[in-house]
Amino acid sequence: MLHFSCDFCGKHLDDKRFVAKLSVFPAFDPEKITEEDLDKDNLQAVANDINHHSEDANKPLSVEGQISSKDFRFDLCSSCFQKVLNDPLGQERLHRFDYSEN
């Protein structure tokens, strides 16, 4: 039997749980194609990425040595689910601390 716990607070989860998925990838603006982009051998670059990815399926695909995308999945309790809905990037938590100007 599978047991789940909240990825934010660690609380044990029963049948009522929520899943949050996050995909991070570089933005692409199709209107900003340059002559240099057209001169590249994109088919060879894709073939290289596929070959590299098939060697180690756990690593995300990369473009010129940089990670091009990453997917995240989080199991959440109802309380943390509401927190994520209200503040998906957690920016409110960043502003909670007020440091003195000593």
PDB file of N, CA and C in Angstrom:
ATOM      1  N   MET A   1       0.842  -1.175   0.000  1.00  0.00           N
ATOM      2  CA  MET A   1       0.000   0.000   0.000  1.00  0.00           C
ATOM      3  C   MET A   1       0.892   1.245   0.000  1.00  0.00           C
ATOM      4  N   LEU A   2       0.525   2.220  -0.799  1.00  0.00           N
ATOM      5  CA  LEU A   2       1.279   3.465  -0.872  1.00  0.00           C
ATOM      6  C   LEU A   2       0.871   4.409   0.244  1.00  0.00           C
ATOM      7  N   HIS A   3       1.856   5.079   0.801  1.00  0.00           N
ATOM      8  CA  HIS A   3       1.597   6.089   1.828  1.00  0.00           C
ATOM      9  C   HIS A   3       2.125   7.413   1.319  1.00  0.00           C
ATOM     10  N   PHE A   4       1.328   8.455   1.462  1.00  0.00           N
ATOM     11  CA  PHE A   4       1.709   9.776   0.983  1.00  0.00           C
ATOM     12  C   PHE A   4       1.839  10.730   2.158  1.00  0.00           C
ATOM     13  N   SER A   5       2.758  11.669   2.019  1.00  0.00           N
ATOM     14  CA  SER A   5       2.865  12.765   2.982  1.00  0.00           C
ATOM     15  C   SER A   5       2.979  14.062   2.200  1.00  0.00           C
ATOM     16  N   CYS A   6       2.549  15.150   2.828  1.00  0.00           N
ATOM     17  CA  CYS A   6       2.565  16.459   2.179  1.00  0.00           C
ATOM     18  C   CYS A   6       4.015  16.875   1.947  1.00  0.00           C
ATOM     19  N   ASP A   7       4.327  17.273   0.730  1.00  0.00           N
ATOM     20  CA  ASP A   7       5.683  17.682   0.389  1.00  0.00           C
ATOM     21  C   ASP A   7       6.053  19.037   0.976  1.00  0.00           C
ATOM     22  N   PHE A   8       5.075  19.786   1.489  1.00  0.00           N
ATOM     23  CA  PHE A   8       5.372  21.085   2.097  1.00  0.00           C
ATOM     24  C   PHE A   8       5.506  20.983   3.610  1.00  0.00           C
ATOM     25  N   CYS A   9       4.514  20.380   4.267  1.00  0.00           N
ATOM     26  CA  CYS A   9       4.520  20.363   5.742  1.00  0.00           C
ATOM     27  C   CYS A   9       4.854  19.002   6.334  1.00  0.00           C
ATOM     28  N   GLY A  10       4.829  17.935   5.535  1.00  0.00           N
ATOM     29  CA  GLY A  10       5.166  16.600   6.018  1.00  0.00           C
ATOM     30  C   GLY A  10       4.018  15.829   6.629  1.00  0.00           C
ATOM     31  N   LYS A  11       2.832  16.424   6.687  1.00  0.00           N
ATOM     32  CA  LYS A  11       1.651  15.778   7.277  1.00  0.00           C
ATOM     33  C   LYS A  11       1.286  14.519   6.486  1.00  0.00           C
ATOM     34  N   HIS A  12       0.906  13.455   7.219  1.00  0.00           N
ATOM     35  CA  HIS A  12       0.456  12.215   6.585  1.00  0.00           C
ATOM     36  C   HIS A  12      -0.833  12.488   5.807  1.00  0.00           C
ATOM     37  N   LEU A  13      -0.912  11.994   4.585  1.00  0.00           N
ATOM     38  CA  LEU A  13      -2.088  12.234   3.737  1.00  0.00           C
ATOM     39  C   LEU A  13      -2.914  10.965   3.614  1.00  0.00           C
ATOM     40  N   ASP A  14      -4.220  11.113   3.711  1.00  0.00           N
ATOM     41  CA  ASP A  14      -5.122   9.992   3.483  1.00  0.00           C
ATOM     42  C   ASP A  14      -5.602  10.048   2.037  1.00  0.00           C
ATOM     43  N   ASP A  15      -6.797   9.594   1.791  1.00  0.00           N
ATOM     44  CA  ASP A  15      -7.325   9.584   0.417  1.00  0.00           C
ATOM     45  C   ASP A  15      -7.538  10.984  -0.136  1.00  0.00           C
ATOM     46  N   LYS A  16      -7.748  11.967   0.749  1.00  0.00           N
ATOM     47  CA  LYS A  16      -7.971  13.337   0.283  1.00  0.00           C
ATOM     48  C   LYS A  16      -6.623  14.052   0.214  1.00  0.00           C
ATOM     49  N   ARG A  17      -6.086  14.116  -0.972  1.00  0.00           N
ATOM     50  CA  ARG A  17      -4.811  14.807  -1.190  1.00  0.00           C
ATOM     51  C   ARG A  17      -4.889  15.551  -2.504  1.00  0.00           C
ATOM     52  N   PHE A  18      -4.003  16.472  -2.675  1.00  0.00           N
ATOM     53  CA  PHE A  18      -3.970  17.297  -3.877  1.00  0.00           C
ATOM     54  C   PHE A  18      -2.604  17.169  -4.524  1.00  0.00           C
ATOM     55  N   VAL A  19      -2.560  17.343  -5.827  1.00  0.00           N
ATOM     56  CA  VAL A  19      -1.312  17.264  -6.567  1.00  0.00           C
ATOM     57  C   VAL A  19      -1.083  18.594  -7.272  1.00  0.00           C
ATOM     58  N   ALA A  20       0.117  19.127  -7.107  1.00  0.00           N
ATOM     59  CA  ALA A  20       0.522  20.337  -7.827  1.00  0.00           C
ATOM     60  C   ALA A  20       1.649  19.952  -8.771  1.00  0.00           C
ATOM     61  N   LYS A  21       1.535  20.368 -10.014  1.00  0.00           N
ATOM     62  CA  LYS A  21       2.569  20.094 -11.006  1.00  0.00           C
ATOM     63  C   LYS A  21       3.129  21.421 -11.499  1.00  0.00           C
ATOM     64  N   LEU A  22       4.425  21.440 -11.704  1.00  0.00           N
ATOM     65  CA  LEU A  22       5.097  22.647 -12.166  1.00  0.00           C
ATOM     66  C   LEU A  22       6.046  22.269 -13.284  1.00  0.00           C
ATOM     67  N   SER A  23       5.943  22.952 -14.398  1.00  0.00           N
ATOM     68  CA  SER A  23       6.864  22.756 -15.525  1.00  0.00           C
ATOM     69  C   SER A  23       7.650  24.036 -15.719  1.00  0.00           C
ATOM     70  N   VAL A  24       8.963  23.905 -15.788  1.00  0.00           N
ATOM     71  CA  VAL A  24       9.838  25.053 -15.989  1.00  0.00           C
ATOM     72  C   VAL A  24      10.600  24.830 -17.293  1.00  0.00           C
ATOM     73  N   PHE A  25      10.515  25.816 -18.185  1.00  0.00           N
ATOM     74  CA  PHE A  25      11.182  25.686 -19.480  1.00  0.00           C
ATOM     75  C   PHE A  25      11.478  27.071 -20.031  1.00  0.00           C
ATOM     76  N   PRO A  26      12.460  27.166 -20.920  1.00  0.00           N
ATOM     77  CA  PRO A  26      12.783  28.482 -21.484  1.00  0.00           C
ATOM     78  C   PRO A  26      11.672  28.971 -22.404  1.00  0.00           C
ATOM     79  N   ALA A  27      11.436  30.260 -22.362  1.00  0.00           N
ATOM     80  CA  ALA A  27      10.437  30.860 -23.246  1.00  0.00           C
ATOM     81  C   ALA A  27      11.008  30.958 -24.654  1.00  0.00           C
ATOM     82  N   PHE A  28      10.146  30.853 -25.616  1.00  0.00           N
ATOM     83  CA  PHE A  28      10.559  30.935 -27.015  1.00  0.00           C
ATOM     84  C   PHE A  28       9.681  31.947 -27.720  1.00  0.00           C
ATOM     85  N   ASP A  29      10.299  32.939 -28.299  1.00  0.00           N
ATOM     86  CA  ASP A  29       9.564  33.945 -29.043  1.00  0.00           C
ATOM     87  C   ASP A  29       9.810  33.690 -30.533  1.00  0.00           C
ATOM     88  N   PRO A  30       8.836  33.111 -31.242  1.00  0.00           N
ATOM     89  CA  PRO A  30       9.047  32.758 -32.651  1.00  0.00           C
ATOM     90  C   PRO A  30       9.313  33.961 -33.551  1.00  0.00           C
ATOM     91  N   GLU A  31       9.004  35.168 -33.084  1.00  0.00           N
ATOM     92  CA  GLU A  31       9.249  36.340 -33.910  1.00  0.00           C
ATOM     93  C   GLU A  31      10.693  36.817 -33.823  1.00  0.00           C
ATOM     94  N   LYS A  32      11.490  36.208 -32.964  1.00  0.00           N
ATOM     95  CA  LYS A  32      12.878  36.630 -32.801  1.00  0.00           C
ATOM     96  C   LYS A  32      13.845  35.619 -33.394  1.00  0.00           C
ATOM     97  N   ILE A  33      13.540  35.106 -34.556  1.00  0.00           N
ATOM     98  CA  ILE A  33      14.429  34.179 -35.245  1.00  0.00           C
ATOM     99  C   ILE A  33      15.434  34.993 -36.058  1.00  0.00           C
ATOM    100  N   THR A  34      16.704  34.663 -35.895  1.00  0.00           N
ATOM    101  CA  THR A  34      17.758  35.378 -36.604  1.00  0.00           C
ATOM    102  C   THR A  34      18.304  34.517 -37.737  1.00  0.00           C
ATOM    103  N   GLU A  35      19.135  35.110 -38.560  1.00  0.00           N
ATOM    104  CA  GLU A  35      19.799  34.357 -39.637  1.00  0.00           C
ATOM    105  C   GLU A  35      20.657  33.241 -39.062  1.00  0.00           C
ATOM    106  N   GLU A  36      21.278  33.513 -37.922  1.00  0.00           N
ATOM    107  CA  GLU A  36      22.119  32.503 -37.267  1.00  0.00           C
ATOM    108  C   GLU A  36      21.284  31.287 -36.871  1.00  0.00           C
ATOM    109  N   ASP A  37      20.056  31.521 -36.400  1.00  0.00           N
ATOM    110  CA  ASP A  37      19.163  30.417 -36.038  1.00  0.00           C
ATOM    111  C   ASP A  37      18.841  29.557 -37.255  1.00  0.00           C
ATOM    112  N   LEU A  38      18.660  30.194 -38.394  1.00  0.00           N
ATOM    113  CA  LEU A  38      18.320  29.458 -39.608  1.00  0.00           C
ATOM    114  C   LEU A  38      19.507  28.675 -40.154  1.00  0.00           C
ATOM    115  N   ASP A  39      20.725  29.127 -39.854  1.00  0.00           N
ATOM    116  CA  ASP A  39      21.925  28.454 -40.337  1.00  0.00           C
ATOM    117  C   ASP A  39      22.298  27.231 -39.506  1.00  0.00           C
ATOM    118  N   LYS A  40      21.777  27.119 -38.300  1.00  0.00           N
ATOM    119  CA  LYS A  40      22.102  25.994 -37.422  1.00  0.00           C
ATOM    120  C   LYS A  40      21.498  24.706 -37.962  1.00  0.00           C
ATOM    121  N   ASP A  41      22.194  23.593 -37.679  1.00  0.00           N
ATOM    122  CA  ASP A  41      21.685  22.275 -38.051  1.00  0.00           C
ATOM    123  C   ASP A  41      20.840  21.760 -36.883  1.00  0.00           C
ATOM    124  N   ASN A  42      19.581  22.178 -36.843  1.00  0.00           N
ATOM    125  CA  ASN A  42      18.700  21.828 -35.732  1.00  0.00           C
ATOM    126  C   ASN A  42      18.395  20.341 -35.679  1.00  0.00           C
ATOM    127  N   LEU A  43      18.335  19.687 -36.826  1.00  0.00           N
ATOM    128  CA  LEU A  43      18.063  18.257 -36.845  1.00  0.00           C
ATOM    129  C   LEU A  43      19.181  17.493 -36.141  1.00  0.00           C
ATOM    130  N   GLN A  44      20.426  17.893 -36.368  1.00  0.00           N
ATOM    131  CA  GLN A  44      21.545  17.245 -35.697  1.00  0.00           C
ATOM    132  C   GLN A  44      21.522  17.527 -34.193  1.00  0.00           C
ATOM    133  N   ALA A  45      21.154  18.740 -33.804  1.00  0.00           N
ATOM    134  CA  ALA A  45      21.080  19.083 -32.383  1.00  0.00           C
ATOM    135  C   ALA A  45      20.013  18.245 -31.684  1.00  0.00           C
ATOM    136  N   VAL A  46      18.866  18.046 -32.325  1.00  0.00           N
ATOM    137  CA  VAL A  46      17.806  17.219 -31.750  1.00  0.00           C
ATOM    138  C   VAL A  46      18.283  15.772 -31.644  1.00  0.00           C
ATOM    139  N   ALA A  47      18.939  15.267 -32.677  1.00  0.00           N
ATOM    140  CA  ALA A  47      19.453  13.893 -32.640  1.00  0.00           C
ATOM    141  C   ALA A  47      20.461  13.718 -31.513  1.00  0.00           C
ATOM    142  N   ASN A  48      21.321  14.706 -31.312  1.00  0.00           N
ATOM    143  CA  ASN A  48      22.297  14.638 -30.221  1.00  0.00           C
ATOM    144  C   ASN A  48      21.607  14.625 -28.867  1.00  0.00           C
ATOM    145  N   ASP A  49      20.590  15.455 -28.700  1.00  0.00           N
ATOM    146  CA  ASP A  49      19.850  15.490 -27.436  1.00  0.00           C
ATOM    147  C   ASP A  49      19.144  14.162 -27.175  1.00  0.00           C
ATOM    148  N   ILE A  50      18.554  13.582 -28.202  1.00  0.00           N
ATOM    149  CA  ILE A  50      17.862  12.299 -28.039  1.00  0.00           C
ATOM    150  C   ILE A  50      18.856  11.214 -27.648  1.00  0.00           C
ATOM    151  N   ASN A  51      20.002  11.173 -28.316  1.00  0.00           N
ATOM    152  CA  ASN A  51      21.020  10.182 -27.978  1.00  0.00           C
ATOM    153  C   ASN A  51      21.529  10.386 -26.561  1.00  0.00           C
ATOM    154  N   HIS A  52      21.766  11.616 -26.185  1.00  0.00           N
ATOM    155  CA  HIS A  52      22.248  11.917 -24.837  1.00  0.00           C
ATOM    156  C   HIS A  52      21.199  11.544 -23.797  1.00  0.00           C
ATOM    157  N   HIS A  53      19.930  11.850 -24.090  1.00  0.00           N
ATOM    158  CA  HIS A  53      18.846  11.562 -23.152  1.00  0.00           C
ATOM    159  C   HIS A  53      18.624  10.063 -23.003  1.00  0.00           C
ATOM    160  N   SER A  54      18.765   9.313 -24.067  1.00  0.00           N
ATOM    161  CA  SER A  54      18.535   7.868 -23.984  1.00  0.00           C
ATOM    162  C   SER A  54      19.616   7.177 -23.156  1.00  0.00           C
ATOM    163  N   GLU A  55      20.804   7.783 -23.049  1.00  0.00           N
ATOM    164  CA  GLU A  55      21.870   7.202 -22.234  1.00  0.00           C
ATOM    165  C   GLU A  55      21.540   7.284 -20.754  1.00  0.00           C
ATOM    166  N   ASP A  56      20.903   8.354 -20.342  1.00  0.00           N
ATOM    167  CA  ASP A  56      20.521   8.526 -18.941  1.00  0.00           C
ATOM    168  C   ASP A  56      19.147   9.168 -18.891  1.00  0.00           C
ATOM    169  N   ALA A  57      18.122   8.335 -18.798  1.00  0.00           N
ATOM    170  CA  ALA A  57      16.736   8.825 -18.880  1.00  0.00           C
ATOM    171  C   ALA A  57      16.345   9.713 -17.706  1.00  0.00           C
ATOM    172  N   ASN A  58      17.108   9.721 -16.624  1.00  0.00           N
ATOM    173  CA  ASN A  58      16.759  10.540 -15.462  1.00  0.00           C
ATOM    174  C   ASN A  58      17.202  11.986 -15.603  1.00  0.00           C
ATOM    175  N   LYS A  59      18.069  12.274 -16.533  1.00  0.00           N
ATOM    176  CA  LYS A  59      18.540  13.645 -16.718  1.00  0.00           C
ATOM    177  C   LYS A  59      17.621  14.382 -17.680  1.00  0.00           C
ATOM    178  N   PRO A  60      17.300  15.650 -17.394  1.00  0.00           N
ATOM    179  CA  PRO A  60      16.469  16.414 -18.335  1.00  0.00           C
ATOM    180  C   PRO A  60      17.260  16.748 -19.600  1.00  0.00           C
ATOM    181  N   LEU A  61      16.536  16.956 -20.696  1.00  0.00           N
ATOM    182  CA  LEU A  61      17.193  17.346 -21.939  1.00  0.00           C
ATOM    183  C   LEU A  61      17.905  18.672 -21.754  1.00  0.00           C
ATOM    184  N   SER A  62      19.004  18.857 -22.471  1.00  0.00           N
ATOM    185  CA  SER A  62      19.754  20.097 -22.310  1.00  0.00           C
ATOM    186  C   SER A  62      19.998  20.743 -23.670  1.00  0.00           C
ATOM    187  N   VAL A  63      20.197  22.043 -23.628  1.00  0.00           N
ATOM    188  CA  VAL A  63      20.524  22.809 -24.813  1.00  0.00           C
ATOM    189  C   VAL A  63      21.824  23.526 -24.529  1.00  0.00           C
ATOM    190  N   GLU A  64      22.851  23.210 -25.295  1.00  0.00           N
ATOM    191  CA  GLU A  64      24.165  23.832 -25.147  1.00  0.00           C
ATOM    192  C   GLU A  64      24.639  23.787 -23.696  1.00  0.00           C
ATOM    193  N   GLY A  65      24.493  22.618 -23.041  1.00  0.00           N
ATOM    194  CA  GLY A  65      25.002  22.433 -21.700  1.00  0.00           C
ATOM    195  C   GLY A  65      24.110  22.952 -20.596  1.00  0.00           C
ATOM    196  N   GLN A  66      23.005  23.585 -20.936  1.00  0.00           N
ATOM    197  CA  GLN A  66      22.099  24.106 -19.916  1.00  0.00           C
ATOM    198  C   GLN A  66      20.819  23.273 -19.902  1.00  0.00           C
ATOM    199  N   ILE A  67      20.245  23.130 -18.732  1.00  0.00           N
ATOM    200  CA  ILE A  67      18.992  22.388 -18.629  1.00  0.00           C
ATOM    201  C   ILE A  67      17.909  23.163 -19.366  1.00  0.00           C
ATOM    202  N   SER A  68      17.169  22.469 -20.237  1.00  0.00           N
ATOM    203  CA  SER A  68      16.153  23.165 -21.016  1.00  0.00           C
ATOM    204  C   SER A  68      14.764  23.070 -20.398  1.00  0.00           C
ATOM    205  N   SER A  69      14.507  22.030 -19.598  1.00  0.00           N
ATOM    206  CA  SER A  69      13.200  21.934 -18.973  1.00  0.00           C
ATOM    207  C   SER A  69      13.273  21.006 -17.771  1.00  0.00           C
ATOM    208  N   LYS A  70      12.313  21.187 -16.881  1.00  0.00           N
ATOM    209  CA  LYS A  70      12.241  20.339 -15.695  1.00  0.00           C
ATOM    210  C   LYS A  70      10.802  20.343 -15.216  1.00  0.00           C
ATOM    211  N   ASP A  71      10.286  19.163 -14.860  1.00  0.00           N
ATOM    212  CA  ASP A  71       8.935  19.020 -14.346  1.00  0.00           C
ATOM    213  C   ASP A  71       9.000  18.622 -12.870  1.00  0.00           C
ATOM    214  N   PHE A  72       8.113  19.203 -12.069  1.00  0.00           N
ATOM    215  CA  PHE A  72       8.029  18.907 -10.657  1.00  0.00           C
ATOM    216  C   PHE A  72       6.616  18.452 -10.325  1.00  0.00           C
ATOM    217  N   ARG A  73       6.486  17.575  -9.324  1.00  0.00           N
ATOM    218  CA  ARG A  73       5.179  17.094  -8.868  1.00  0.00           C
ATOM    219  C   ARG A  73       5.203  17.083  -7.344  1.00  0.00           C
ATOM    220  N   PHE A  74       4.175  17.669  -6.724  1.00  0.00           N
ATOM    221  CA  PHE A  74       4.101  17.755  -5.285  1.00  0.00           C
ATOM    222  C   PHE A  74       2.758  17.212  -4.796  1.00  0.00           C
ATOM    223  N   ASP A  75       2.792  16.378  -3.763  1.00  0.00           N
ATOM    224  CA  ASP A  75       1.576  15.935  -3.085  1.00  0.00           C
ATOM    225  C   ASP A  75       1.339  16.890  -1.926  1.00  0.00           C
ATOM    226  N   LEU A  76       0.093  17.379  -1.806  1.00  0.00           N
ATOM    227  CA  LEU A  76      -0.205  18.403  -0.815  1.00  0.00           C
ATOM    228  C   LEU A  76      -1.419  18.039   0.031  1.00  0.00           C
ATOM    229  N   CYS A  77      -1.387  18.465   1.301  1.00  0.00           N
ATOM    230  CA  CYS A  77      -2.581  18.380   2.149  1.00  0.00           C
ATOM    231  C   CYS A  77      -3.500  19.539   1.766  1.00  0.00           C
ATOM    232  N   SER A  78      -4.719  19.553   2.303  1.00  0.00           N
ATOM    233  CA  SER A  78      -5.675  20.589   1.919  1.00  0.00           C
ATOM    234  C   SER A  78      -5.212  21.981   2.357  1.00  0.00           C
ATOM    235  N   SER A  79      -4.549  22.085   3.494  1.00  0.00           N
ATOM    236  CA  SER A  79      -4.072  23.383   3.972  1.00  0.00           C
ATOM    237  C   SER A  79      -2.972  23.937   3.058  1.00  0.00           C
ATOM    238  N   CYS A  80      -2.000  23.113   2.735  1.00  0.00           N
ATOM    239  CA  CYS A  80      -0.911  23.565   1.849  1.00  0.00           C
ATOM    240  C   CYS A  80      -1.412  23.811   0.431  1.00  0.00           C
ATOM    241  N   PHE A  81      -2.415  23.036   0.013  1.00  0.00           N
ATOM    242  CA  PHE A  81      -3.035  23.253  -1.294  1.00  0.00           C
ATOM    243  C   PHE A  81      -3.619  24.660  -1.381  1.00  0.00           C
ATOM    244  N   GLN A  82      -4.319  25.092  -0.323  1.00  0.00           N
ATOM    245  CA  GLN A  82      -4.887  26.440  -0.307  1.00  0.00           C
ATOM    246  C   GLN A  82      -3.778  27.496  -0.333  1.00  0.00           C
ATOM    247  N   LYS A  83      -2.694  27.240   0.388  1.00  0.00           N
ATOM    248  CA  LYS A  83      -1.568  28.182   0.394  1.00  0.00           C
ATOM    249  C   LYS A  83      -0.969  28.316  -1.005  1.00  0.00           C
ATOM    250  N   VAL A  84      -0.840  27.197  -1.706  1.00  0.00           N
ATOM    251  CA  VAL A  84      -0.289  27.235  -3.067  1.00  0.00           C
ATOM    252  C   VAL A  84      -1.241  27.954  -4.009  1.00  0.00           C
ATOM    253  N   LEU A  85      -2.533  27.735  -3.848  1.00  0.00           N
ATOM    254  CA  LEU A  85      -3.504  28.435  -4.697  1.00  0.00           C
ATOM    255  C   LEU A  85      -3.441  29.944  -4.487  1.00  0.00           C
ATOM    256  N   ASN A  86      -3.287  30.367  -3.237  1.00  0.00           N
ATOM    257  CA  ASN A  86      -3.269  31.796  -2.919  1.00  0.00           C
ATOM    258  C   ASN A  86      -1.939  32.464  -3.241  1.00  0.00           C
ATOM    259  N   ASP A  87      -0.852  31.711  -3.173  1.00  0.00           N
ATOM    260  CA  ASP A  87       0.488  32.277  -3.380  1.00  0.00           C
ATOM    261  C   ASP A  87       1.385  31.219  -4.031  1.00  0.00           C
ATOM    262  N   PRO A  88       1.199  30.957  -5.325  1.00  0.00           N
ATOM    263  CA  PRO A  88       1.887  29.842  -5.977  1.00  0.00           C
ATOM    264  C   PRO A  88       3.419  29.908  -5.925  1.00  0.00           C
ATOM    265  N   LEU A  89       3.988  31.090  -5.923  1.00  0.00           N
ATOM    266  CA  LEU A  89       5.445  31.211  -5.904  1.00  0.00           C
ATOM    267  C   LEU A  89       6.015  31.418  -4.505  1.00  0.00           C
ATOM    268  N   GLY A  90       5.167  31.454  -3.504  1.00  0.00           N
ATOM    269  CA  GLY A  90       5.631  31.612  -2.135  1.00  0.00           C
ATOM    270  C   GLY A  90       6.218  32.981  -1.839  1.00  0.00           C
ATOM    271  N   GLN A  91       5.797  33.990  -2.563  1.00  0.00           N
ATOM    272  CA  GLN A  91       6.358  35.332  -2.372  1.00  0.00           C
ATOM    273  C   GLN A  91       5.961  35.941  -1.039  1.00  0.00           C
ATOM    274  N   GLU A  92       4.792  35.572  -0.533  1.00  0.00           N
ATOM    275  CA  GLU A  92       4.349  36.115   0.756  1.00  0.00           C
ATOM    276  C   GLU A  92       5.308  35.691   1.869  1.00  0.00           C
ATOM    277  N   ARG A  93       5.794  34.454   1.804  1.00  0.00           N
ATOM    278  CA  ARG A  93       6.727  33.970   2.814  1.00  0.00           C
ATOM    279  C   ARG A  93       8.033  34.746   2.788  1.00  0.00           C
ATOM    280  N   LEU A  94       8.441  35.224   1.626  1.00  0.00           N
ATOM    281  CA  LEU A  94       9.688  35.985   1.519  1.00  0.00           C
ATOM    282  C   LEU A  94       9.595  37.332   2.211  1.00  0.00           C
ATOM    283  N   HIS A  95       8.400  37.894   2.291  1.00  0.00           N
ATOM    284  CA  HIS A  95       8.218  39.228   2.866  1.00  0.00           C
ATOM    285  C   HIS A  95       7.838  39.201   4.340  1.00  0.00           C
ATOM    286  N   ARG A  96       7.776  38.034   4.939  1.00  0.00           N
ATOM    287  CA  ARG A  96       7.395  37.935   6.350  1.00  0.00           C
ATOM    288  C   ARG A  96       8.480  38.449   7.288  1.00  0.00           C
ATOM    289  N   PHE A  97       9.722  38.334   6.914  1.00  0.00           N
ATOM    290  CA  PHE A  97      10.813  38.692   7.801  1.00  0.00           C
ATOM    291  C   PHE A  97      11.174  40.165   7.637  1.00  0.00           C
ATOM    292  N   ASP A  98      11.146  40.881   8.728  1.00  0.00           N
ATOM    293  CA  ASP A  98      11.565  42.269   8.732  1.00  0.00           C
ATOM    294  C   ASP A  98      12.831  42.365   9.569  1.00  0.00           C
ATOM    295  N   TYR A  99      13.911  42.619   8.917  1.00  0.00           N
ATOM    296  CA  TYR A  99      15.190  42.698   9.630  1.00  0.00           C
ATOM    297  C   TYR A  99      15.448  44.146  10.036  1.00  0.00           C
ATOM    298  N   SER A 100      16.029  44.302  11.203  1.00  0.00           N
ATOM    299  CA  SER A 100      16.357  45.662  11.675  1.00  0.00           C
ATOM    300  C   SER A 100      17.541  46.193  10.872  1.00  0.00           C
ATOM    301  N   GLU A 101      17.687  47.474  10.836  1.00  0.00           N
ATOM    302  CA  GLU A 101      18.765  48.108  10.074  1.00  0.00           C
ATOM    303  C   GLU A 101      19.973  48.392  10.973  1.00  0.00           C
ATOM    304  N   ASN A 102      20.354  47.453  11.799  1.00  0.00           N
ATOM    305  CA  ASN A 102      21.498  47.618  12.697  1.00  0.00           C
ATOM    306  C   ASN A 102      22.781  47.713  11.928  1.00  0.00           C
TER     307      ASN A 102
END
